[in-house]
């Protein structure tokens, strides 16, 4: 998943992993993982990895709570870089449960 960030830098597309030859098509995780990396990109991935958490809800809690305490943050912004929209929403649901956050629902205008 860290390679997705490098892919975005390479493609100059900060908000998606779009393919340079077809901006409407996003690259699949397998395509991104197959990318060769330069020494600079490997160094960038190392820095990204320090704040990149992957795992079960308990694993995330074990990683994020000390970071919150260390930085004395009163707010945390989370970006879930998941290829599937449904999986990304599930990831946010798990985080909301983990930190006992009430879900926010959008009311449609009638």
Protein backbone atom coordinates (compact mmCIF):
# COMPACT_ATOMS: atom_id res chain seq x y z
CA UNK A 1 0.00 0.00 0.00
CA UNK A 2 2.88 2.36 0.57
CA UNK A 3 3.69 2.08 -3.10
CA UNK A 4 0.34 3.74 -3.83
CA UNK A 5 1.77 6.99 -2.44
CA UNK A 6 4.84 6.67 -4.67
CA UNK A 7 2.56 5.90 -7.63
CA UNK A 8 0.63 9.11 -6.99
CA UNK A 9 3.87 11.10 -6.83
CA UNK A 10 5.04 9.60 -10.10
CA UNK A 11 1.74 10.26 -11.85
CA UNK A 12 1.42 13.71 -10.36
CA UNK A 13 -2.09 12.80 -9.20
CA UNK A 14 -2.31 13.56 -5.48
CA UNK A 15 -5.79 12.15 -4.87
CA UNK A 16 -5.86 8.94 -6.88
CA UNK A 17 -3.68 6.22 -8.27
CA UNK A 18 -4.66 6.88 -11.86
CA UNK A 19 -2.75 5.38 -14.71
CA UNK A 20 -0.81 8.02 -16.70
CA UNK A 21 -1.98 6.62 -20.06
CA UNK A 22 -5.63 6.45 -18.90
CA UNK A 23 -6.41 8.87 -16.03
CA UNK A 24 -9.92 7.44 -15.68
CA UNK A 25 -8.56 4.00 -14.72
CA UNK A 26 -7.03 3.52 -11.29
CA UNK A 27 -4.20 1.09 -10.83
CA UNK A 28 -4.96 -2.09 -8.93
CA UNK A 29 -2.88 -2.98 -5.87
CA UNK A 30 -1.08 -5.75 -7.78
CA UNK A 31 0.02 -3.25 -10.44
CA UNK A 32 1.30 -0.85 -7.81
CA UNK A 33 3.15 -3.60 -5.91
CA UNK A 34 4.90 -4.63 -9.14
CA UNK A 35 6.49 -1.19 -9.56
CA UNK A 36 10.27 -1.04 -9.28
CA UNK A 37 11.42 1.72 -6.91
CA UNK A 38 14.41 4.05 -7.11
CA UNK A 39 16.65 4.63 -4.07
CA UNK A 40 14.88 7.95 -3.44
CA UNK A 41 11.45 6.28 -3.60
CA UNK A 42 12.63 3.58 -1.15
CA UNK A 43 13.73 6.33 1.26
CA UNK A 44 10.36 8.06 0.85
CA UNK A 45 8.60 4.78 1.59
CA UNK A 46 10.63 4.39 4.76
CA UNK A 47 9.45 7.78 6.01
CA UNK A 48 5.85 7.07 4.97
CA UNK A 49 6.06 3.72 6.77
CA UNK A 50 6.67 5.36 10.14
CA UNK A 51 3.10 6.65 10.12
CA UNK A 52 1.52 3.89 8.03
CA UNK A 53 -0.45 1.44 10.16
CA UNK A 54 -1.86 -1.84 8.86
CA UNK A 55 -3.60 -4.56 10.80
CA UNK A 56 -6.48 -5.56 13.00
CA UNK A 57 -8.32 -2.96 15.08
CA UNK A 58 -6.27 -3.98 18.13
CA UNK A 59 -3.01 -3.62 16.17
CA UNK A 60 -4.08 -0.15 15.06
CA UNK A 61 -4.94 0.81 18.64
CA UNK A 62 -1.50 -0.39 19.81
CA UNK A 63 0.19 1.80 17.19
CA UNK A 64 -1.99 4.91 17.20
CA UNK A 65 -2.62 5.46 20.93
CA UNK A 66 1.10 5.92 21.76
CA UNK A 67 1.42 8.32 18.81
CA UNK A 68 -1.53 10.36 20.10
CA UNK A 69 -0.03 10.41 23.60
CA UNK A 70 3.46 11.28 22.31
CA UNK A 71 2.21 14.18 20.18
CA UNK A 72 -0.56 15.22 22.58
CA UNK A 73 -2.91 15.35 19.60
CA UNK A 74 -6.51 16.26 20.24
CA UNK A 75 -7.53 15.20 16.76
CA UNK A 76 -6.47 12.45 14.37
CA UNK A 77 -6.99 12.46 10.62
CA UNK A 78 -7.00 9.03 9.02
CA UNK A 79 -6.65 8.19 5.36
CA UNK A 80 -7.52 4.65 4.44
CA UNK A 81 -5.72 3.79 1.21
CA UNK A 82 -7.78 0.79 0.22
CA UNK A 83 -8.46 -0.06 -3.45
CA UNK A 84 -12.06 -1.21 -2.88
CA UNK A 85 -14.55 1.48 -1.85
CA UNK A 86 -16.56 -1.01 0.21
CA UNK A 87 -13.44 -2.21 2.02
CA UNK A 88 -12.41 1.39 2.69
CA UNK A 89 -15.81 2.16 4.25
CA UNK A 90 -15.52 -1.01 6.36
CA UNK A 91 -12.10 0.17 7.50
CA UNK A 92 -13.61 3.46 8.70
CA UNK A 93 -16.44 1.57 10.43
CA UNK A 94 -13.89 -0.53 12.32
CA UNK A 95 -12.02 2.60 13.40
CA UNK A 96 -15.24 4.23 14.57
CA UNK A 97 -16.06 1.15 16.67
CA UNK A 98 -12.51 0.99 18.02
CA UNK A 99 -12.58 4.58 19.26
CA UNK A 100 -16.29 4.59 20.13
CA UNK A 101 -17.12 7.33 17.64
CA UNK A 102 -20.77 7.83 16.78
CA UNK A 103 -21.45 7.27 13.07
CA UNK A 104 -22.38 10.27 11.00
CA UNK A 105 -25.18 9.80 8.51
CA UNK A 106 -25.98 12.16 5.71
CA UNK A 107 -29.63 13.05 5.29
CA UNK A 108 -30.73 13.42 1.69
CA UNK A 109 -32.48 16.64 0.74
CA UNK A 110 -36.17 16.19 -0.02
